[in-house]
PDB file of N, CA and C in Angstrom:
ATOM      1  N   MET A   1     155.140  63.157 161.078  1.00  0.00           N
ATOM      2  CA  MET A   1     154.800  64.218 162.304  1.00  0.00           C
ATOM      3  C   MET A   1     155.563  63.976 163.644  1.00  0.00           C
ATOM      4  N   PRO A   2     156.072  64.687 164.348  1.00  0.00           N
ATOM      5  CA  PRO A   2     156.666  64.510 165.510  1.00  0.00           C
ATOM      6  C   PRO A   2     155.944  63.983 166.378  1.00  0.00           C
ATOM      7  N   LEU A   3     154.353  64.277 166.518  1.00  0.00           N
ATOM      8  CA  LEU A   3     153.601  63.770 167.384  1.00  0.00           C
ATOM      9  C   LEU A   3     152.534  63.210 167.327  1.00  0.00           C
ATOM     10  N   GLN A   4     152.797  61.793 167.701  1.00  0.00           N
ATOM     11  CA  GLN A   4     151.745  60.929 166.880  1.00  0.00           C
ATOM     12  C   GLN A   4     150.794  60.396 168.259  1.00  0.00           C
ATOM     13  N   PRO A   5     149.564  60.437 167.853  1.00  0.00           N
ATOM     14  CA  PRO A   5     148.573  59.727 169.249  1.00  0.00           C
ATOM     15  C   PRO A   5     148.917  58.022 169.286  1.00  0.00           C
ATOM     16  N   ILE A   6     148.626  57.734 170.508  1.00  0.00           N
ATOM     17  CA  ILE A   6     148.929  56.170 170.600  1.00  0.00           C
ATOM     18  C   ILE A   6     147.321  55.873 170.614  1.00  0.00           C
ATOM     19  N   ALA A   7     146.925  54.771 169.585  1.00  0.00           N
ATOM     20  CA  ALA A   7     145.720  54.292 169.380  1.00  0.00           C
ATOM     21  C   ALA A   7     145.222  53.149 170.449  1.00  0.00           C
ATOM     22  N   ASP A   8     143.951  53.078 170.658  1.00  0.00           N
ATOM     23  CA  ASP A   8     143.202  52.311 171.540  1.00  0.00           C
ATOM     24  C   ASP A   8     143.646  52.468 172.922  1.00  0.00           C
ATOM     25  N   LEU A   9     143.393  53.673 173.659  1.00  0.00           N
ATOM     26  CA  LEU A   9     143.558  53.533 175.217  1.00  0.00           C
ATOM     27  C   LEU A   9     141.961  54.278 175.363  1.00  0.00           C
ATOM     28  N   PRO A  10     141.712  53.596 176.545  1.00  0.00           N
ATOM     29  CA  PRO A  10     140.475  54.141 177.030  1.00  0.00           C
ATOM     30  C   PRO A  10     139.957  55.786 177.086  1.00  0.00           C
ATOM     31  N   VAL A  11     138.747  55.785 176.972  1.00  0.00           N
ATOM     32  CA  VAL A  11     138.212  57.349 176.956  1.00  0.00           C
ATOM     33  C   VAL A  11     139.054  58.359 177.780  1.00  0.00           C
ATOM     34  N   ALA A  12     139.471  58.150 178.825  1.00  0.00           N
ATOM     35  CA  ALA A  12     140.068  59.440 179.592  1.00  0.00           C
ATOM     36  C   ALA A  12     141.516  59.014 179.896  1.00  0.00           C
ATOM     37  N   THR A  13     141.943  58.333 178.954  1.00  0.00           N
ATOM     38  CA  THR A  13     143.231  58.271 179.059  1.00  0.00           C
ATOM     39  C   THR A  13     144.276  58.469 177.346  1.00  0.00           C
ATOM     40  N   ILE A  14     144.943  59.478 177.056  1.00  0.00           N
ATOM     41  CA  ILE A  14     145.294  59.762 175.871  1.00  0.00           C
ATOM     42  C   ILE A  14     146.937  59.538 175.993  1.00  0.00           C
ATOM     43  N   GLY A  15     147.780  59.510 175.150  1.00  0.00           N
ATOM     44  CA  GLY A  15     148.892  58.956 174.734  1.00  0.00           C
ATOM     45  C   GLY A  15     149.257  59.424 173.609  1.00  0.00           C
ATOM     46  N   PHE A  16     150.963  59.853 173.493  1.00  0.00           N
ATOM     47  CA  PHE A  16     151.674  60.407 172.415  1.00  0.00           C
ATOM     48  C   PHE A  16     153.160  59.759 172.162  1.00  0.00           C
ATOM     49  N   ARG A  17     153.376  59.662 171.081  1.00  0.00           N
ATOM     50  CA  ARG A  17     154.983  59.207 170.897  1.00  0.00           C
ATOM     51  C   ARG A  17     155.492  60.508 170.352  1.00  0.00           C
ATOM     52  N   ALA A  18     156.642  60.946 170.697  1.00  0.00           N
ATOM     53  CA  ALA A  18     157.533  61.997 170.025  1.00  0.00           C
ATOM     54  C   ALA A  18     158.764  62.001 169.707  1.00  0.00           C
ATOM     55  N   SER A  19     158.815  62.127 168.303  1.00  0.00           N
ATOM     56  CA  SER A  19     160.195  61.856 167.825  1.00  0.00           C
ATOM     57  C   SER A  19     160.464  63.242 167.073  1.00  0.00           C
ATOM     58  N   GLY A  20     161.902  63.190 166.947  1.00  0.00           N
ATOM     59  CA  GLY A  20     162.585  64.652 166.161  1.00  0.00           C
ATOM     60  C   GLY A  20     162.017  65.736 166.951  1.00  0.00           C
ATOM     61  N   THR A  21     161.801  67.026 166.353  1.00  0.00           N
ATOM     62  CA  THR A  21     161.550  67.992 167.127  1.00  0.00           C
ATOM     63  C   THR A  21     159.842  68.314 167.389  1.00  0.00           C
ATOM     64  N   VAL A  22     159.630  68.241 168.562  1.00  0.00           N
ATOM     65  CA  VAL A  22     158.228  68.727 168.652  1.00  0.00           C
ATOM     66  C   VAL A  22     157.767  70.319 168.622  1.00  0.00           C
ATOM     67  N   THR A  23     156.817  70.741 167.860  1.00  0.00           N
ATOM     68  CA  THR A  23     157.013  72.105 167.724  1.00  0.00           C
ATOM     69  C   THR A  23     155.499  72.609 168.352  1.00  0.00           C
ATOM     70  N   ALA A  24     155.282  73.796 168.148  1.00  0.00           N
ATOM     71  CA  ALA A  24     154.142  74.440 168.843  1.00  0.00           C
ATOM     72  C   ALA A  24     152.985  73.893 167.927  1.00  0.00           C
ATOM     73  N   GLU A  25     153.137  73.783 166.592  1.00  0.00           N
ATOM     74  CA  GLU A  25     151.914  73.280 165.615  1.00  0.00           C
ATOM     75  C   GLU A  25     151.416  71.624 166.040  1.00  0.00           C
ATOM     76  N   ASP A  26     152.420  70.987 166.683  1.00  0.00           N
ATOM     77  CA  ASP A  26     152.119  69.823 167.149  1.00  0.00           C
ATOM     78  C   ASP A  26     151.209  69.999 167.887  1.00  0.00           C
ATOM     79  N   TYR A  27     151.410  70.750 169.062  1.00  0.00           N
ATOM     80  CA  TYR A  27     150.651  71.068 170.330  1.00  0.00           C
ATOM     81  C   TYR A  27     149.302  71.190 169.970  1.00  0.00           C
ATOM     82  N   THR A  28     149.285  72.467 168.986  1.00  0.00           N
ATOM     83  CA  THR A  28     148.059  73.167 168.375  1.00  0.00           C
ATOM     84  C   THR A  28     146.909  71.974 167.564  1.00  0.00           C
ATOM     85  N   SER A  29     147.669  71.362 166.729  1.00  0.00           N
ATOM     86  CA  SER A  29     147.020  70.091 165.942  1.00  0.00           C
ATOM     87  C   SER A  29     146.694  68.722 166.472  1.00  0.00           C
ATOM     88  N   VAL A  30     147.508  68.218 167.464  1.00  0.00           N
ATOM     89  CA  VAL A  30     147.631  66.851 167.751  1.00  0.00           C
ATOM     90  C   VAL A  30     147.223  66.842 169.634  1.00  0.00           C
ATOM     91  N   LEU A  31     148.054  67.510 170.193  1.00  0.00           N
ATOM     92  CA  LEU A  31     148.098  67.635 171.935  1.00  0.00           C
ATOM     93  C   LEU A  31     146.766  68.210 172.387  1.00  0.00           C
ATOM     94  N   ASP A  32     146.568  69.172 171.971  1.00  0.00           N
ATOM     95  CA  ASP A  32     145.597  70.133 172.412  1.00  0.00           C
ATOM     96  C   ASP A  32     144.049  69.766 172.285  1.00  0.00           C
ATOM     97  N   PRO A  33     143.719  69.223 171.008  1.00  0.00           N
ATOM     98  CA  PRO A  33     142.293  68.847 170.725  1.00  0.00           C
ATOM     99  C   PRO A  33     142.471  67.475 171.657  1.00  0.00           C
ATOM    100  N   ALA A  34     143.209  66.864 171.846  1.00  0.00           N
ATOM    101  CA  ALA A  34     143.231  65.330 172.102  1.00  0.00           C
ATOM    102  C   ALA A  34     142.937  65.482 173.957  1.00  0.00           C
ATOM    103  N   ILE A  35     143.514  66.823 174.309  1.00  0.00           N
ATOM    104  CA  ILE A  35     143.042  66.979 175.865  1.00  0.00           C
ATOM    105  C   ILE A  35     141.765  67.790 175.968  1.00  0.00           C
ATOM    106  N   ARG A  36     141.140  68.592 174.962  1.00  0.00           N
ATOM    107  CA  ARG A  36     139.996  69.238 174.907  1.00  0.00           C
ATOM    108  C   ARG A  36     138.920  67.932 174.991  1.00  0.00           C
ATOM    109  N   LYS A  37     139.103  67.413 174.423  1.00  0.00           N
ATOM    110  CA  LYS A  37     138.225  66.057 174.012  1.00  0.00           C
ATOM    111  C   LYS A  37     137.820  65.474 175.516  1.00  0.00           C
ATOM    112  N   ALA A  38     139.149  65.082 176.008  1.00  0.00           N
ATOM    113  CA  ALA A  38     139.371  64.372 177.332  1.00  0.00           C
ATOM    114  C   ALA A  38     138.299  65.018 178.302  1.00  0.00           C
ATOM    115  N   VAL A  39     138.795  66.309 178.275  1.00  0.00           N
ATOM    116  CA  VAL A  39     138.246  67.169 179.308  1.00  0.00           C
ATOM    117  C   VAL A  39     136.514  67.018 179.170  1.00  0.00           C
ATOM    118  N   GLU A  40     136.108  66.888 178.088  1.00  0.00           N
ATOM    119  CA  GLU A  40     134.748  67.078 177.898  1.00  0.00           C
ATOM    120  C   GLU A  40     134.259  65.492 178.258  1.00  0.00           C
ATOM    121  N   HIS A  41     134.708  64.481 178.926  1.00  0.00           N
ATOM    122  CA  HIS A  41     134.523  63.382 179.252  1.00  0.00           C
ATOM    123  C   HIS A  41     134.032  63.571 180.900  1.00  0.00           C
ATOM    124  N   GLU A  42     134.674  64.673 181.422  1.00  0.00           N
ATOM    125  CA  GLU A  42     134.535  65.267 182.779  1.00  0.00           C
ATOM    126  C   GLU A  42     134.897  64.021 183.620  1.00  0.00           C
ATOM    127  N   GLN A  43     135.965  63.328 183.509  1.00  0.00           N
ATOM    128  CA  GLN A  43     136.834  62.466 184.067  1.00  0.00           C
ATOM    129  C   GLN A  43     138.334  62.687 184.304  1.00  0.00           C
ATOM    130  N   PRO A  44     139.007  62.492 185.215  1.00  0.00           N
ATOM    131  CA  PRO A  44     140.319  62.873 185.027  1.00  0.00           C
ATOM    132  C   PRO A  44     141.187  62.133 184.003  1.00  0.00           C
ATOM    133  N   ILE A  45     141.892  62.833 183.512  1.00  0.00           N
ATOM    134  CA  ILE A  45     142.613  62.843 182.324  1.00  0.00           C
ATOM    135  C   ILE A  45     144.158  61.965 183.001  1.00  0.00           C
ATOM    136  N   ASN A  46     144.295  60.908 182.394  1.00  0.00           N
ATOM    137  CA  ASN A  46     145.645  60.370 182.308  1.00  0.00           C
ATOM    138  C   ASN A  46     146.364  60.313 180.980  1.00  0.00           C
ATOM    139  N   LEU A  47     147.880  60.395 181.298  1.00  0.00           N
ATOM    140  CA  LEU A  47     148.488  61.029 180.146  1.00  0.00           C
ATOM    141  C   LEU A  47     149.772  60.296 179.749  1.00  0.00           C
ATOM    142  N   VAL A  48     150.001  59.341 178.765  1.00  0.00           N
ATOM    143  CA  VAL A  48     151.183  58.752 178.428  1.00  0.00           C
ATOM    144  C   VAL A  48     151.996  59.291 177.471  1.00  0.00           C
ATOM    145  N   TYR A  49     152.883  59.778 177.673  1.00  0.00           N
ATOM    146  CA  TYR A  49     154.087  60.177 176.689  1.00  0.00           C
ATOM    147  C   TYR A  49     155.278  59.924 176.629  1.00  0.00           C
ATOM    148  N   VAL A  50     155.705  59.325 175.120  1.00  0.00           N
ATOM    149  CA  VAL A  50     156.712  58.413 174.968  1.00  0.00           C
ATOM    150  C   VAL A  50     157.696  59.417 174.135  1.00  0.00           C
ATOM    151  N   LEU A  51     158.807  59.597 174.954  1.00  0.00           N
ATOM    152  CA  LEU A  51     159.759  60.101 174.267  1.00  0.00           C
ATOM    153  C   LEU A  51     160.991  59.005 173.914  1.00  0.00           C
ATOM    154  N   GLY A  52     160.933  58.712 172.545  1.00  0.00           N
ATOM    155  CA  GLY A  52     161.831  57.561 172.212  1.00  0.00           C
ATOM    156  C   GLY A  52     163.272  58.385 171.822  1.00  0.00           C
ATOM    157  N   ALA A  53     164.202  57.449 171.497  1.00  0.00           N
ATOM    158  CA  ALA A  53     165.430  57.578 171.169  1.00  0.00           C
ATOM    159  C   ALA A  53     165.628  58.529 170.098  1.00  0.00           C
ATOM    160  N   ASP A  54     164.727  58.557 169.027  1.00  0.00           N
ATOM    161  CA  ASP A  54     164.725  59.709 168.116  1.00  0.00           C
ATOM    162  C   ASP A  54     164.188  60.727 168.248  1.00  0.00           C
ATOM    163  N   PHE A  55     164.029  61.335 169.707  1.00  0.00           N
ATOM    164  CA  PHE A  55     163.151  62.566 170.044  1.00  0.00           C
ATOM    165  C   PHE A  55     164.500  63.290 170.295  1.00  0.00           C
ATOM    166  N   ASP A  56     164.412  64.468 169.551  1.00  0.00           N
ATOM    167  CA  ASP A  56     165.662  65.908 169.695  1.00  0.00           C
ATOM    168  C   ASP A  56     165.146  66.666 170.729  1.00  0.00           C
ATOM    169  N   GLY A  57     163.937  66.892 170.527  1.00  0.00           N
ATOM    170  CA  GLY A  57     163.385  68.204 172.101  1.00  0.00           C
ATOM    171  C   GLY A  57     162.295  68.937 171.319  1.00  0.00           C
ATOM    172  N   TYR A  58     162.226  70.192 171.933  1.00  0.00           N
ATOM    173  CA  TYR A  58     161.183  71.039 171.584  1.00  0.00           C
ATOM    174  C   TYR A  58     161.498  72.373 171.153  1.00  0.00           C
ATOM    175  N   SER A  59     161.065  72.648 170.409  1.00  0.00           N
ATOM    176  CA  SER A  59     161.296  74.022 169.503  1.00  0.00           C
ATOM    177  C   SER A  59     160.506  75.237 170.731  1.00  0.00           C
ATOM    178  N   LEU A  60     161.180  76.512 170.620  1.00  0.00           N
ATOM    179  CA  LEU A  60     161.041  77.262 171.752  1.00  0.00           C
ATOM    180  C   LEU A  60     159.528  77.863 171.820  1.00  0.00           C
ATOM    181  N   ARG A  61     158.901  77.764 170.855  1.00  0.00           N
ATOM    182  CA  ARG A  61     157.076  77.773 171.024  1.00  0.00           C
ATOM    183  C   ARG A  61     156.374  76.664 171.513  1.00  0.00           C
ATOM    184  N   ALA A  62     157.119  75.577 171.107  1.00  0.00           N
ATOM    185  CA  ALA A  62     156.470  74.609 172.094  1.00  0.00           C
ATOM    186  C   ALA A  62     156.470  74.525 173.387  1.00  0.00           C
ATOM    187  N   MET A  63     157.677  75.047 173.695  1.00  0.00           N
ATOM    188  CA  MET A  63     157.765  75.104 175.131  1.00  0.00           C
ATOM    189  C   MET A  63     156.830  75.974 176.049  1.00  0.00           C
ATOM    190  N   ALA A  64     156.633  76.985 175.192  1.00  0.00           N
ATOM    191  CA  ALA A  64     155.578  78.001 175.687  1.00  0.00           C
ATOM    192  C   ALA A  64     154.349  77.416 175.610  1.00  0.00           C
ATOM    193  N   GLU A  65     154.045  76.346 174.609  1.00  0.00           N
ATOM    194  CA  GLU A  65     152.828  75.793 174.444  1.00  0.00           C
ATOM    195  C   GLU A  65     152.402  74.981 175.753  1.00  0.00           C
ATOM    196  N   ASP A  66     153.617  74.220 176.080  1.00  0.00           N
ATOM    197  CA  ASP A  66     153.262  73.263 177.034  1.00  0.00           C
ATOM    198  C   ASP A  66     153.166  73.835 178.616  1.00  0.00           C
ATOM    199  N   LEU A  67     153.426  75.250 178.698  1.00  0.00           N
ATOM    200  CA  LEU A  67     153.061  76.198 179.742  1.00  0.00           C
ATOM    201  C   LEU A  67     151.465  76.164 179.757  1.00  0.00           C
ATOM    202  N   GLU A  68     150.744  76.583 178.702  1.00  0.00           N
ATOM    203  CA  GLU A  68     149.462  76.639 178.333  1.00  0.00           C
ATOM    204  C   GLU A  68     148.611  75.349 179.007  1.00  0.00           C
ATOM    205  N   LEU A  69     149.147  74.185 179.351  1.00  0.00           N
ATOM    206  CA  LEU A  69     148.493  73.051 179.791  1.00  0.00           C
ATOM    207  C   LEU A  69     147.933  73.354 181.002  1.00  0.00           C
ATOM    208  N   VAL A  70     148.680  74.602 181.984  1.00  0.00           N
ATOM    209  CA  VAL A  70     147.923  74.468 183.357  1.00  0.00           C
ATOM    210  C   VAL A  70     146.531  75.350 182.936  1.00  0.00           C
ATOM    211  N   ARG A  71     146.158  75.616 181.941  1.00  0.00           N
ATOM    212  CA  ARG A  71     144.856  76.119 181.739  1.00  0.00           C
ATOM    213  C   ARG A  71     143.768  74.747 182.070  1.00  0.00           C
ATOM    214  N   VAL A  72     144.384  73.924 181.909  1.00  0.00           N
ATOM    215  CA  VAL A  72     143.421  72.556 182.356  1.00  0.00           C
ATOM    216  C   VAL A  72     143.562  72.574 183.734  1.00  0.00           C
ATOM    217  N   PRO A  73     141.938  72.556 184.097  1.00  0.00           N
ATOM    218  CA  PRO A  73     141.590  72.718 185.779  1.00  0.00           C
ATOM    219  C   PRO A  73     142.403  71.165 186.364  1.00  0.00           C
ATOM    220  N   ARG A  74     143.283  71.838 187.363  1.00  0.00           N
ATOM    221  CA  ARG A  74     143.985  70.920 188.170  1.00  0.00           C
ATOM    222  C   ARG A  74     143.358  69.603 188.200  1.00  0.00           C
ATOM    223  N   ASP A  75     141.916  69.630 189.039  1.00  0.00           N
ATOM    224  CA  ASP A  75     141.266  68.233 189.096  1.00  0.00           C
ATOM    225  C   ASP A  75     140.761  67.590 188.049  1.00  0.00           C
ATOM    226  N   MET A  76     141.104  67.874 186.909  1.00  0.00           N
ATOM    227  CA  MET A  76     140.652  67.203 185.681  1.00  0.00           C
ATOM    228  C   MET A  76     142.267  66.078 185.516  1.00  0.00           C
ATOM    229  N   TRP A  77     143.344  66.221 186.105  1.00  0.00           N
ATOM    230  CA  TRP A  77     144.600  65.335 185.863  1.00  0.00           C
ATOM    231  C   TRP A  77     144.475  64.444 186.788  1.00  0.00           C
ATOM    232  N   GLY A  78     144.934  62.956 186.428  1.00  0.00           N
ATOM    233  CA  GLY A  78     144.850  61.973 186.956  1.00  0.00           C
ATOM    234  C   GLY A  78     146.262  61.395 187.489  1.00  0.00           C
ATOM    235  N   ARG A  79     146.800  60.667 186.051  1.00  0.00           N
ATOM    236  CA  ARG A  79     148.113  60.259 186.283  1.00  0.00           C
ATOM    237  C   ARG A  79     148.783  60.664 184.971  1.00  0.00           C
ATOM    238  N   ILE A  80     149.944  60.825 185.023  1.00  0.00           N
ATOM    239  CA  ILE A  80     150.830  61.256 183.926  1.00  0.00           C
ATOM    240  C   ILE A  80     152.130  59.999 184.027  1.00  0.00           C
ATOM    241  N   ALA A  81     152.491  59.411 182.767  1.00  0.00           N
ATOM    242  CA  ALA A  81     153.684  58.590 182.677  1.00  0.00           C
ATOM    243  C   ALA A  81     154.317  58.903 181.672  1.00  0.00           C
ATOM    244  N   LEU A  82     155.598  59.318 181.762  1.00  0.00           N
ATOM    245  CA  LEU A  82     156.813  59.680 180.739  1.00  0.00           C
ATOM    246  C   LEU A  82     157.511  58.587 180.640  1.00  0.00           C
ATOM    247  N   VAL A  83     157.719  58.259 179.482  1.00  0.00           N
ATOM    248  CA  VAL A  83     158.418  57.069 179.049  1.00  0.00           C
ATOM    249  C   VAL A  83     159.811  57.789 178.248  1.00  0.00           C
ATOM    250  N   THR A  84     160.880  57.173 178.733  1.00  0.00           N
ATOM    251  CA  THR A  84     161.831  58.217 178.346  1.00  0.00           C
ATOM    252  C   THR A  84     163.228  57.221 178.715  1.00  0.00           C
ATOM    253  N   ASP A  85     164.225  57.157 177.957  1.00  0.00           N
ATOM    254  CA  ASP A  85     165.406  56.888 178.229  1.00  0.00           C
ATOM    255  C   ASP A  85     166.538  58.064 178.174  1.00  0.00           C
ATOM    256  N   HIS A  86     166.004  59.352 178.013  1.00  0.00           N
ATOM    257  CA  HIS A  86     166.436  60.548 178.229  1.00  0.00           C
ATOM    258  C   HIS A  86     166.894  60.981 179.593  1.00  0.00           C
ATOM    259  N   ARG A  87     167.701  60.702 180.003  1.00  0.00           N
ATOM    260  CA  ARG A  87     168.054  60.724 181.954  1.00  0.00           C
ATOM    261  C   ARG A  87     167.558  62.398 181.871  1.00  0.00           C
ATOM    262  N   ALA A  88     168.244  63.303 181.543  1.00  0.00           N
ATOM    263  CA  ALA A  88     167.981  64.387 181.842  1.00  0.00           C
ATOM    264  C   ALA A  88     166.703  65.001 181.974  1.00  0.00           C
ATOM    265  N   LEU A  89     165.371  64.439 181.053  1.00  0.00           N
ATOM    266  CA  LEU A  89     164.500  65.040 180.871  1.00  0.00           C
ATOM    267  C   LEU A  89     163.559  64.198 182.247  1.00  0.00           C
ATOM    268  N   GLY A  90     164.079  63.061 182.585  1.00  0.00           N
ATOM    269  CA  GLY A  90     163.506  62.090 183.660  1.00  0.00           C
ATOM    270  C   GLY A  90     163.466  62.842 184.877  1.00  0.00           C
ATOM    271  N   GLU A  91     164.997  63.502 184.808  1.00  0.00           N
ATOM    272  CA  GLU A  91     165.418  64.011 186.214  1.00  0.00           C
ATOM    273  C   GLU A  91     164.598  65.723 186.184  1.00  0.00           C
ATOM    274  N   ALA A  92     164.761  66.002 185.233  1.00  0.00           N
ATOM    275  CA  ALA A  92     163.712  67.125 185.120  1.00  0.00           C
ATOM    276  C   ALA A  92     162.007  67.260 185.481  1.00  0.00           C
ATOM    277  N   VAL A  93     161.610  65.958 185.047  1.00  0.00           N
ATOM    278  CA  VAL A  93     160.400  66.001 185.739  1.00  0.00           C
ATOM    279  C   VAL A  93     160.316  65.473 187.153  1.00  0.00           C
ATOM    280  N   HIS A  94     161.050  64.996 187.851  1.00  0.00           N
ATOM    281  CA  HIS A  94     161.244  64.537 189.033  1.00  0.00           C
ATOM    282  C   HIS A  94     161.366  66.099 189.996  1.00  0.00           C
ATOM    283  N   LEU A  95     162.435  66.613 189.351  1.00  0.00           N
ATOM    284  CA  LEU A  95     162.715  68.070 190.237  1.00  0.00           C
ATOM    285  C   LEU A  95     161.089  68.934 189.966  1.00  0.00           C
ATOM    286  N   MET A  96     160.647  69.118 188.869  1.00  0.00           N
ATOM    287  CA  MET A  96     159.383  69.823 188.521  1.00  0.00           C
ATOM    288  C   MET A  96     157.912  69.194 189.184  1.00  0.00           C
ATOM    289  N   ARG A  97     158.327  67.888 189.801  1.00  0.00           N
ATOM    290  CA  ARG A  97     157.193  67.368 189.614  1.00  0.00           C
ATOM    291  C   ARG A  97     156.022  67.843 190.584  1.00  0.00           C
ATOM    292  N   PHE A  98     156.603  68.941 191.559  1.00  0.00           N
ATOM    293  CA  PHE A  98     155.514  69.691 192.664  1.00  0.00           C
ATOM    294  C   PHE A  98     154.439  70.454 191.673  1.00  0.00           C
ATOM    295  N   LEU A  99     155.017  70.953 190.743  1.00  0.00           N
ATOM    296  CA  LEU A  99     154.525  71.810 189.667  1.00  0.00           C
ATOM    297  C   LEU A  99     153.372  71.364 189.067  1.00  0.00           C
ATOM    298  N   ILE A 100     153.408  69.935 188.384  1.00  0.00           N
ATOM    299  CA  ILE A 100     152.541  69.222 187.870  1.00  0.00           C
ATOM    300  C   ILE A 100     151.351  68.862 189.002  1.00  0.00           C
ATOM    301  N   PRO A 101     150.318  69.017 187.766  1.00  0.00           N
ATOM    302  CA  PRO A 101     148.789  68.793 188.581  1.00  0.00           C
ATOM    303  C   PRO A 101     148.520  67.722 188.512  1.00  0.00           C
ATOM    304  N   ALA A 102     148.993  66.310 188.687  1.00  0.00           N
ATOM    305  CA  ALA A 102     148.967  65.045 188.663  1.00  0.00           C
ATOM    306  C   ALA A 102     150.147  64.158 189.413  1.00  0.00           C
ATOM    307  N   GLU A 103     149.458  62.917 189.314  1.00  0.00           N
ATOM    308  CA  GLU A 103     150.343  61.608 189.924  1.00  0.00           C
ATOM    309  C   GLU A 103     151.498  61.586 188.749  1.00  0.00           C
ATOM    310  N   VAL A 104     152.525  61.784 189.051  1.00  0.00           N
ATOM    311  CA  VAL A 104     153.688  61.550 187.632  1.00  0.00           C
ATOM    312  C   VAL A 104     154.604  60.251 187.917  1.00  0.00           C
ATOM    313  N   ARG A 105     155.039  59.764 186.819  1.00  0.00           N
ATOM    314  CA  ARG A 105     155.980  58.673 187.150  1.00  0.00           C
ATOM    315  C   ARG A 105     157.138  58.399 186.129  1.00  0.00           C
ATOM    316  N   VAL A 106     158.019  58.238 186.010  1.00  0.00           N
ATOM    317  CA  VAL A 106     158.815  58.291 184.974  1.00  0.00           C
ATOM    318  C   VAL A 106     159.253  56.851 184.568  1.00  0.00           C
ATOM    319  N   PHE A 107     159.195  56.329 183.575  1.00  0.00           N
ATOM    320  CA  PHE A 107     159.275  54.804 183.104  1.00  0.00           C
ATOM    321  C   PHE A 107     160.116  54.991 182.197  1.00  0.00           C
ATOM    322  N   PRO A 108     161.238  53.906 181.967  1.00  0.00           N
ATOM    323  CA  PRO A 108     162.388  53.563 181.030  1.00  0.00           C
ATOM    324  C   PRO A 108     161.560  53.225 179.633  1.00  0.00           C
ATOM    325  N   LEU A 109     162.288  53.568 178.482  1.00  0.00           N
ATOM    326  CA  LEU A 109     161.328  52.906 176.973  1.00  0.00           C
ATOM    327  C   LEU A 109     160.935  51.641 177.080  1.00  0.00           C
ATOM    328  N   ASP A 110     161.699  50.458 177.688  1.00  0.00           N
ATOM    329  CA  ASP A 110     161.492  49.070 177.582  1.00  0.00           C
ATOM    330  C   ASP A 110     160.468  48.880 178.649  1.00  0.00           C
ATOM    331  N   ALA A 111     160.213  49.691 179.435  1.00  0.00           N
ATOM    332  CA  ALA A 111     158.769  49.302 180.588  1.00  0.00           C
ATOM    333  C   ALA A 111     157.702  50.268 180.020  1.00  0.00           C
ATOM    334  N   GLU A 112     157.312  50.647 178.641  1.00  0.00           N
ATOM    335  CA  GLU A 112     156.444  51.058 178.395  1.00  0.00           C
ATOM    336  C   GLU A 112     154.718  50.609 178.378  1.00  0.00           C
ATOM    337  N   ASP A 113     154.723  49.462 178.307  1.00  0.00           N
ATOM    338  CA  ASP A 113     153.576  48.526 178.661  1.00  0.00           C
ATOM    339  C   ASP A 113     153.380  48.847 180.357  1.00  0.00           C
ATOM    340  N   ASP A 114     154.427  48.739 181.178  1.00  0.00           N
ATOM    341  CA  ASP A 114     154.246  49.315 182.401  1.00  0.00           C
ATOM    342  C   ASP A 114     153.704  50.620 182.655  1.00  0.00           C
ATOM    343  N   ALA A 115     153.843  51.515 181.967  1.00  0.00           N
ATOM    344  CA  ALA A 115     153.482  52.793 182.072  1.00  0.00           C
ATOM    345  C   ALA A 115     152.017  52.893 181.507  1.00  0.00           C
ATOM    346  N   LEU A 116     151.435  52.222 180.716  1.00  0.00           N
ATOM    347  CA  LEU A 116     150.376  52.096 180.055  1.00  0.00           C
ATOM    348  C   LEU A 116     149.251  51.772 181.049  1.00  0.00           C
ATOM    349  N   ALA A 117     149.728  50.485 181.602  1.00  0.00           N
ATOM    350  CA  ALA A 117     149.073  49.831 182.679  1.00  0.00           C
ATOM    351  C   ALA A 117     148.691  50.666 183.781  1.00  0.00           C
ATOM    352  N   TRP A 118     150.054  51.287 184.111  1.00  0.00           N
ATOM    353  CA  TRP A 118     149.788  52.343 185.475  1.00  0.00           C
ATOM    354  C   TRP A 118     148.837  53.636 184.977  1.00  0.00           C
ATOM    355  N   VAL A 119     148.647  54.174 183.949  1.00  0.00           N
ATOM    356  CA  VAL A 119     148.211  55.216 183.745  1.00  0.00           C
ATOM    357  C   VAL A 119     146.330  54.681 183.744  1.00  0.00           C
ATOM    358  N   GLN A 120     146.369  53.635 183.371  1.00  0.00           N
ATOM    359  CA  GLN A 120     144.889  53.175 183.002  1.00  0.00           C
ATOM    360  C   GLN A 120     144.499  52.646 184.248  1.00  0.00           C
TER     361      GLN A 120
END
């Protein structure tokens, strides 16, 4: 599966590793349920998203699903850490940061532990 949860994170922190091509089905079966569960705890959600060297991208439907994340109330987001060596994706996040309802930082792959510590 292209989207794998990162285990053993605190209650309001969720994390995922993406590889290959992430599809809309990955969102509906993995990401969305984790976000719904985190929202139930009524604490700001912190997210770590690792796009490894084997990450190829998103299907068109997955990109549409990504836009659906705006349905989560803005005050429910805490911090988002994107961990990737994909330069273009990191730059896109920096450019779009004003649209993201959370504090966002981009970390290189070799700083994944720093990203996990920062969001927690």
